[in-house]
Amino acid sequence: MMRIDEILAFNERFVEQTHLPTIGHAPRKQMALVTCMDCRLVQMFEQALELERGDVLELRTAGATISEEEREDGANDLIRSLAGGIYLLGVREVAVIGHTQCGLAHANSTALIASMQALGVDPQKLIEQEELGDIQGLLRWLGAFNDVHVNVREVVNVIRRSPYLPRIPVHGLVIDIITGKLEMVDRG
């Protein structure tokens, strides 16, 4: 049995036993969170930031980051999603929240190559196809970084400088993956 079958079976029981209240599609707190896709963050924000369903928009990317190429381009998926949230859903404040012990902050080329090859993907072909130059270019394409605080500041600045977005408060924070404590890195 695949995991999706377990999810579908649980969902059937959930729908039979649960009646969710109807809520609007615009975030009540008029805020968007840009954060990491790390599975350890699932349900952590709701508890650590006192959030409920419908309070904020959550945009998740690997490392809560934007690749080097996307930073230069300016028109990327994150900016487009924020534009939709701002112009269509009333978002008036953004928080970029990185976290301690982020996998992209510790990504290394040896493990990346081994994993890709084990799953039948030729890293060299991807490097050539995307014109990444070398394995370090591939790591940059993935959004790898060395310091979560620096990464958060850089993403905040990309959002602030975007010609596609209005000037609204954009904050940068880092959350401790163990304790849930927030650290302000850049107050918008």
C-alpha atoms as a PDB file:
ATOM      1  CA  MET A   1       0.000   0.000   0.000  1.00  0.00           C
ATOM      2  CA  MET A   2       1.268   3.451  -0.895  1.00  0.00           C
ATOM      3  CA  ARG A   3       1.130   6.353   1.591  1.00  0.00           C
ATOM      4  CA  ILE A   4      -1.471   8.106  -0.583  1.00  0.00           C
ATOM      5  CA  ASP A   5      -3.853   5.204   0.059  1.00  0.00           C
ATOM      6  CA  GLU A   6      -3.453   5.710   3.817  1.00  0.00           C
ATOM      7  CA  ILE A   7      -4.107   9.416   3.383  1.00  0.00           C
ATOM      8  CA  LEU A   8      -7.234   8.797   1.313  1.00  0.00           C
ATOM      9  CA  ALA A   9      -8.580   6.265   3.836  1.00  0.00           C
ATOM     10  CA  PHE A  10      -7.988   8.660   6.729  1.00  0.00           C
ATOM     11  CA  ASN A  11      -9.577  11.484   4.764  1.00  0.00           C
ATOM     12  CA  GLU A  12     -12.775   9.508   4.285  1.00  0.00           C
ATOM     13  CA  ARG A  13     -13.064   9.043   8.063  1.00  0.00           C
ATOM     14  CA  PHE A  14     -12.143  12.683   8.663  1.00  0.00           C
ATOM     15  CA  VAL A  15     -14.858  13.989   6.343  1.00  0.00           C
ATOM     16  CA  GLU A  16     -17.467  11.727   7.942  1.00  0.00           C
ATOM     17  CA  GLN A  17     -16.570  12.814  11.483  1.00  0.00           C
ATOM     18  CA  THR A  18     -15.578  16.468  11.040  1.00  0.00           C
ATOM     19  CA  HIS A  19     -17.542  19.518  10.037  1.00  0.00           C
ATOM     20  CA  LEU A  20     -15.205  22.384   9.243  1.00  0.00           C
ATOM     21  CA  PRO A  21     -16.542  25.911   9.611  1.00  0.00           C
ATOM     22  CA  THR A  22     -16.789  27.976   6.462  1.00  0.00           C
ATOM     23  CA  ILE A  23     -14.111  30.661   6.337  1.00  0.00           C
ATOM     24  CA  GLY A  24     -13.168  33.270   3.763  1.00  0.00           C
ATOM     25  CA  HIS A  25     -10.212  32.856   1.458  1.00  0.00           C
ATOM     26  CA  ALA A  26      -8.485  36.094   2.531  1.00  0.00           C
ATOM     27  CA  PRO A  27      -6.154  35.757   5.533  1.00  0.00           C
ATOM     28  CA  ARG A  28      -7.743  37.273   8.649  1.00  0.00           C
ATOM     29  CA  LYS A  29      -4.429  38.682   9.875  1.00  0.00           C
ATOM     30  CA  GLN A  30      -3.621  40.116   6.416  1.00  0.00           C
ATOM     31  CA  MET A  31      -0.206  38.466   6.585  1.00  0.00           C
ATOM     32  CA  ALA A  32       1.854  36.091   4.470  1.00  0.00           C
ATOM     33  CA  LEU A  33       4.532  33.812   5.911  1.00  0.00           C
ATOM     34  CA  VAL A  34       7.370  32.708   3.652  1.00  0.00           C
ATOM     35  CA  THR A  35       8.936  29.673   5.228  1.00  0.00           C
ATOM     36  CA  CYS A  36      10.660  26.367   4.637  1.00  0.00           C
ATOM     37  CA  MET A  37       9.076  23.110   3.514  1.00  0.00           C
ATOM     38  CA  ASP A  38      10.804  21.210   6.359  1.00  0.00           C
ATOM     39  CA  CYS A  39       8.407  18.605   7.779  1.00  0.00           C
ATOM     40  CA  ARG A  40       9.397  19.527  11.341  1.00  0.00           C
ATOM     41  CA  LEU A  41       7.620  22.861  10.869  1.00  0.00           C
ATOM     42  CA  VAL A  42       4.227  21.262  10.203  1.00  0.00           C
ATOM     43  CA  GLN A  43       1.930  22.368  13.049  1.00  0.00           C
ATOM     44  CA  MET A  44       4.827  24.155  14.770  1.00  0.00           C
ATOM     45  CA  PHE A  45       3.856  27.589  13.422  1.00  0.00           C
ATOM     46  CA  GLU A  46       0.274  27.196  14.509  1.00  0.00           C
ATOM     47  CA  GLN A  47       1.442  26.583  18.070  1.00  0.00           C
ATOM     48  CA  ALA A  48       4.490  28.877  18.248  1.00  0.00           C
ATOM     49  CA  LEU A  49       2.862  31.836  16.454  1.00  0.00           C
ATOM     50  CA  GLU A  50      -0.689  31.396  17.784  1.00  0.00           C
ATOM     51  CA  LEU A  51      -2.180  30.820  14.343  1.00  0.00           C
ATOM     52  CA  GLU A  52      -5.406  29.181  13.303  1.00  0.00           C
ATOM     53  CA  ARG A  53      -6.772  28.015   9.975  1.00  0.00           C
ATOM     54  CA  GLY A  54      -7.502  31.092   7.864  1.00  0.00           C
ATOM     55  CA  ASP A  55      -5.193  33.490   9.732  1.00  0.00           C
ATOM     56  CA  VAL A  56      -2.272  33.784   7.270  1.00  0.00           C
ATOM     57  CA  LEU A  57      -1.067  32.677   3.867  1.00  0.00           C
ATOM     58  CA  GLU A  58       1.821  30.208   4.111  1.00  0.00           C
ATOM     59  CA  LEU A  59       4.238  30.033   1.192  1.00  0.00           C
ATOM     60  CA  ARG A  60       6.746  27.198   1.540  1.00  0.00           C
ATOM     61  CA  THR A  61       9.939  26.757  -0.429  1.00  0.00           C
ATOM     62  CA  ALA A  62      13.039  24.682   0.182  1.00  0.00           C
ATOM     63  CA  GLY A  63      14.982  26.713   2.743  1.00  0.00           C
ATOM     64  CA  ALA A  64      12.495  29.622   2.658  1.00  0.00           C
ATOM     65  CA  THR A  65      14.772  30.868  -0.069  1.00  0.00           C
ATOM     66  CA  ILE A  66      14.925  32.032  -3.653  1.00  0.00           C
ATOM     67  CA  SER A  67      17.589  30.590  -5.965  1.00  0.00           C
ATOM     68  CA  GLU A  68      20.409  32.821  -7.150  1.00  0.00           C
ATOM     69  CA  GLU A  69      19.005  32.918 -10.691  1.00  0.00           C
ATOM     70  CA  GLU A  70      15.539  33.862  -9.425  1.00  0.00           C
ATOM     71  CA  ARG A  71      17.012  36.627  -7.282  1.00  0.00           C
ATOM     72  CA  GLU A  72      18.523  38.200 -10.389  1.00  0.00           C
ATOM     73  CA  ASP A  73      15.400  37.674 -12.525  1.00  0.00           C
ATOM     74  CA  GLY A  74      13.009  39.221  -9.994  1.00  0.00           C
ATOM     75  CA  ALA A  75       9.924  37.539 -11.473  1.00  0.00           C
ATOM     76  CA  ASN A  76       9.728  34.201  -9.711  1.00  0.00           C
ATOM     77  CA  ASP A  77       7.163  31.895  -8.132  1.00  0.00           C
ATOM     78  CA  LEU A  78       7.544  33.421  -4.673  1.00  0.00           C
ATOM     79  CA  ILE A  79       7.093  37.003  -5.880  1.00  0.00           C
ATOM     80  CA  ARG A  80       4.136  35.966  -8.052  1.00  0.00           C
ATOM     81  CA  SER A  81       2.490  34.206  -5.093  1.00  0.00           C
ATOM     82  CA  LEU A  82       3.058  37.218  -2.847  1.00  0.00           C
ATOM     83  CA  ALA A  83       1.593  39.488  -5.536  1.00  0.00           C
ATOM     84  CA  GLY A  84      -1.530  37.320  -5.634  1.00  0.00           C
ATOM     85  CA  GLY A  85      -1.794  37.452  -1.856  1.00  0.00           C
ATOM     86  CA  ILE A  86      -1.304  41.207  -1.731  1.00  0.00           C
ATOM     87  CA  TYR A  87      -3.450  42.283  -4.671  1.00  0.00           C
ATOM     88  CA  LEU A  88      -6.194  39.651  -4.488  1.00  0.00           C
ATOM     89  CA  LEU A  89      -6.345  38.586  -0.839  1.00  0.00           C
ATOM     90  CA  GLY A  90      -5.469  41.724   1.132  1.00  0.00           C
ATOM     91  CA  VAL A  91      -2.052  40.757   2.522  1.00  0.00           C
ATOM     92  CA  ARG A  92      -0.446  43.856   4.059  1.00  0.00           C
ATOM     93  CA  GLU A  93       2.555  42.369   5.863  1.00  0.00           C
ATOM     94  CA  VAL A  94       5.087  39.629   5.054  1.00  0.00           C
ATOM     95  CA  ALA A  95       7.338  37.599   7.352  1.00  0.00           C
ATOM     96  CA  VAL A  96      10.182  35.493   5.972  1.00  0.00           C
ATOM     97  CA  ILE A  97      10.875  32.807   8.577  1.00  0.00           C
ATOM     98  CA  GLY A  98      13.930  30.601   8.233  1.00  0.00           C
ATOM     99  CA  HIS A  99      14.807  27.975  10.816  1.00  0.00           C
ATOM    100  CA  THR A 100      17.772  26.500  12.617  1.00  0.00           C
ATOM    101  CA  GLN A 101      19.164  23.163  11.417  1.00  0.00           C
ATOM    102  CA  CYS A 102      17.906  23.753   7.860  1.00  0.00           C
ATOM    103  CA  GLY A 103      18.909  21.014   5.436  1.00  0.00           C
ATOM    104  CA  LEU A 104      19.780  23.479   2.671  1.00  0.00           C
ATOM    105  CA  ALA A 105      22.247  25.206   4.984  1.00  0.00           C
ATOM    106  CA  HIS A 106      24.114  21.901   5.234  1.00  0.00           C
ATOM    107  CA  ALA A 107      23.666  20.587   1.681  1.00  0.00           C
ATOM    108  CA  ASN A 108      26.822  19.038   0.269  1.00  0.00           C
ATOM    109  CA  SER A 109      27.663  18.026  -3.257  1.00  0.00           C
ATOM    110  CA  THR A 110      28.715  14.445  -2.459  1.00  0.00           C
ATOM    111  CA  ALA A 111      25.403  13.558  -0.821  1.00  0.00           C
ATOM    112  CA  LEU A 112      23.441  15.371  -3.541  1.00  0.00           C
ATOM    113  CA  ILE A 113      25.197  13.500  -6.366  1.00  0.00           C
ATOM    114  CA  ALA A 114      24.833  10.137  -4.601  1.00  0.00           C
ATOM    115  CA  SER A 115      21.122  10.692  -3.974  1.00  0.00           C
ATOM    116  CA  MET A 116      20.434  11.811  -7.533  1.00  0.00           C
ATOM    117  CA  GLN A 117      22.296   8.848  -9.005  1.00  0.00           C
ATOM    118  CA  ALA A 118      20.582   6.383  -6.650  1.00  0.00           C
ATOM    119  CA  LEU A 119      17.238   7.669  -7.948  1.00  0.00           C
ATOM    120  CA  GLY A 120      18.270   7.422 -11.596  1.00  0.00           C
ATOM    121  CA  VAL A 121      18.972  11.097 -12.302  1.00  0.00           C
ATOM    122  CA  ASP A 122      22.224  12.114 -13.972  1.00  0.00           C
ATOM    123  CA  PRO A 123      23.480  15.239 -12.165  1.00  0.00           C
ATOM    124  CA  GLN A 124      25.828  16.132 -15.020  1.00  0.00           C
ATOM    125  CA  LYS A 125      22.958  16.125 -17.515  1.00  0.00           C
ATOM    126  CA  LEU A 126      20.978  18.509 -15.282  1.00  0.00           C
ATOM    127  CA  ILE A 127      24.025  20.742 -14.845  1.00  0.00           C
ATOM    128  CA  GLU A 128      24.479  20.934 -18.623  1.00  0.00           C
ATOM    129  CA  GLN A 129      20.767  21.316 -19.416  1.00  0.00           C
ATOM    130  CA  GLU A 130      20.300  24.165 -16.945  1.00  0.00           C
ATOM    131  CA  GLU A 131      23.728  25.667 -17.764  1.00  0.00           C
ATOM    132  CA  LEU A 132      24.767  25.532 -14.116  1.00  0.00           C
ATOM    133  CA  GLY A 133      28.492  25.128 -14.789  1.00  0.00           C
ATOM    134  CA  ASP A 134      29.360  22.627 -12.073  1.00  0.00           C
ATOM    135  CA  ILE A 135      28.064  20.880  -8.955  1.00  0.00           C
ATOM    136  CA  GLN A 136      28.334  24.114  -6.961  1.00  0.00           C
ATOM    137  CA  GLY A 137      26.039  25.686  -9.548  1.00  0.00           C
ATOM    138  CA  LEU A 138      23.616  22.826  -8.953  1.00  0.00           C
ATOM    139  CA  LEU A 139      23.679  23.519  -5.212  1.00  0.00           C
ATOM    140  CA  ARG A 140      23.000  27.212  -5.906  1.00  0.00           C
ATOM    141  CA  TRP A 141      20.134  26.180  -8.243  1.00  0.00           C
ATOM    142  CA  LEU A 142      18.626  24.237  -5.342  1.00  0.00           C
ATOM    143  CA  GLY A 143      18.967  27.340  -3.168  1.00  0.00           C
ATOM    144  CA  ALA A 144      21.691  26.020  -0.860  1.00  0.00           C
ATOM    145  CA  PHE A 145      23.161  28.548   1.556  1.00  0.00           C
ATOM    146  CA  ASN A 146      25.602  28.634   4.465  1.00  0.00           C
ATOM    147  CA  ASP A 147      23.953  30.895   7.038  1.00  0.00           C
ATOM    148  CA  VAL A 148      20.211  30.987   7.727  1.00  0.00           C
ATOM    149  CA  HIS A 149      20.369  34.564   9.054  1.00  0.00           C
ATOM    150  CA  VAL A 150      22.111  35.830   5.913  1.00  0.00           C
ATOM    151  CA  ASN A 151      19.660  33.905   3.726  1.00  0.00           C
ATOM    152  CA  VAL A 152      16.640  35.397   5.496  1.00  0.00           C
ATOM    153  CA  ARG A 153      18.039  38.930   5.100  1.00  0.00           C
ATOM    154  CA  GLU A 154      18.701  38.324   1.397  1.00  0.00           C
ATOM    155  CA  VAL A 155      15.186  36.992   0.749  1.00  0.00           C
ATOM    156  CA  VAL A 156      13.679  39.929   2.657  1.00  0.00           C
ATOM    157  CA  ASN A 157      15.684  42.325   0.468  1.00  0.00           C
ATOM    158  CA  VAL A 158      14.624  40.573  -2.758  1.00  0.00           C
ATOM    159  CA  ILE A 159      10.972  40.950  -1.722  1.00  0.00           C
ATOM    160  CA  ARG A 160      11.432  44.588  -0.705  1.00  0.00           C
ATOM    161  CA  ARG A 161      13.169  45.474  -3.987  1.00  0.00           C
ATOM    162  CA  SER A 162      10.657  43.727  -6.231  1.00  0.00           C
ATOM    163  CA  PRO A 163       9.078  46.145  -8.715  1.00  0.00           C
ATOM    164  CA  TYR A 164       6.011  43.878  -8.748  1.00  0.00           C
ATOM    165  CA  LEU A 165       5.144  44.461  -5.086  1.00  0.00           C
ATOM    166  CA  PRO A 166       4.055  47.549  -3.142  1.00  0.00           C
ATOM    167  CA  ARG A 167       6.053  48.853  -0.197  1.00  0.00           C
ATOM    168  CA  ILE A 168       4.580  46.950   2.743  1.00  0.00           C
ATOM    169  CA  PRO A 169       6.370  45.727   5.885  1.00  0.00           C
ATOM    170  CA  VAL A 170       8.595  42.711   5.191  1.00  0.00           C
ATOM    171  CA  HIS A 171      10.189  41.136   8.259  1.00  0.00           C
ATOM    172  CA  GLY A 172      12.896  38.505   8.593  1.00  0.00           C
ATOM    173  CA  LEU A 173      12.925  35.980  11.426  1.00  0.00           C
ATOM    174  CA  VAL A 174      14.547  32.684  12.370  1.00  0.00           C
ATOM    175  CA  ILE A 175      12.672  30.084  14.396  1.00  0.00           C
ATOM    176  CA  ASP A 176      14.489  27.549  16.550  1.00  0.00           C
ATOM    177  CA  ILE A 177      13.410  24.146  15.244  1.00  0.00           C
ATOM    178  CA  ILE A 178      13.717  22.613  18.734  1.00  0.00           C
ATOM    179  CA  THR A 179      12.166  25.238  21.021  1.00  0.00           C
ATOM    180  CA  GLY A 180       9.970  27.245  18.636  1.00  0.00           C
ATOM    181  CA  LYS A 181      11.559  30.524  19.806  1.00  0.00           C
ATOM    182  CA  LEU A 182      11.533  33.309  17.221  1.00  0.00           C
ATOM    183  CA  GLU A 183      14.478  35.634  16.658  1.00  0.00           C
ATOM    184  CA  MET A 184      13.937  38.903  14.788  1.00  0.00           C
ATOM    185  CA  VAL A 185      16.615  39.285  12.119  1.00  0.00           C
ATOM    186  CA  ASP A 186      15.206  42.222  10.159  1.00  0.00           C
ATOM    187  CA  ARG A 187      12.214  44.267  11.266  1.00  0.00           C
ATOM    188  CA  GLY A 188      10.199  45.660   8.346  1.00  0.00           C
END
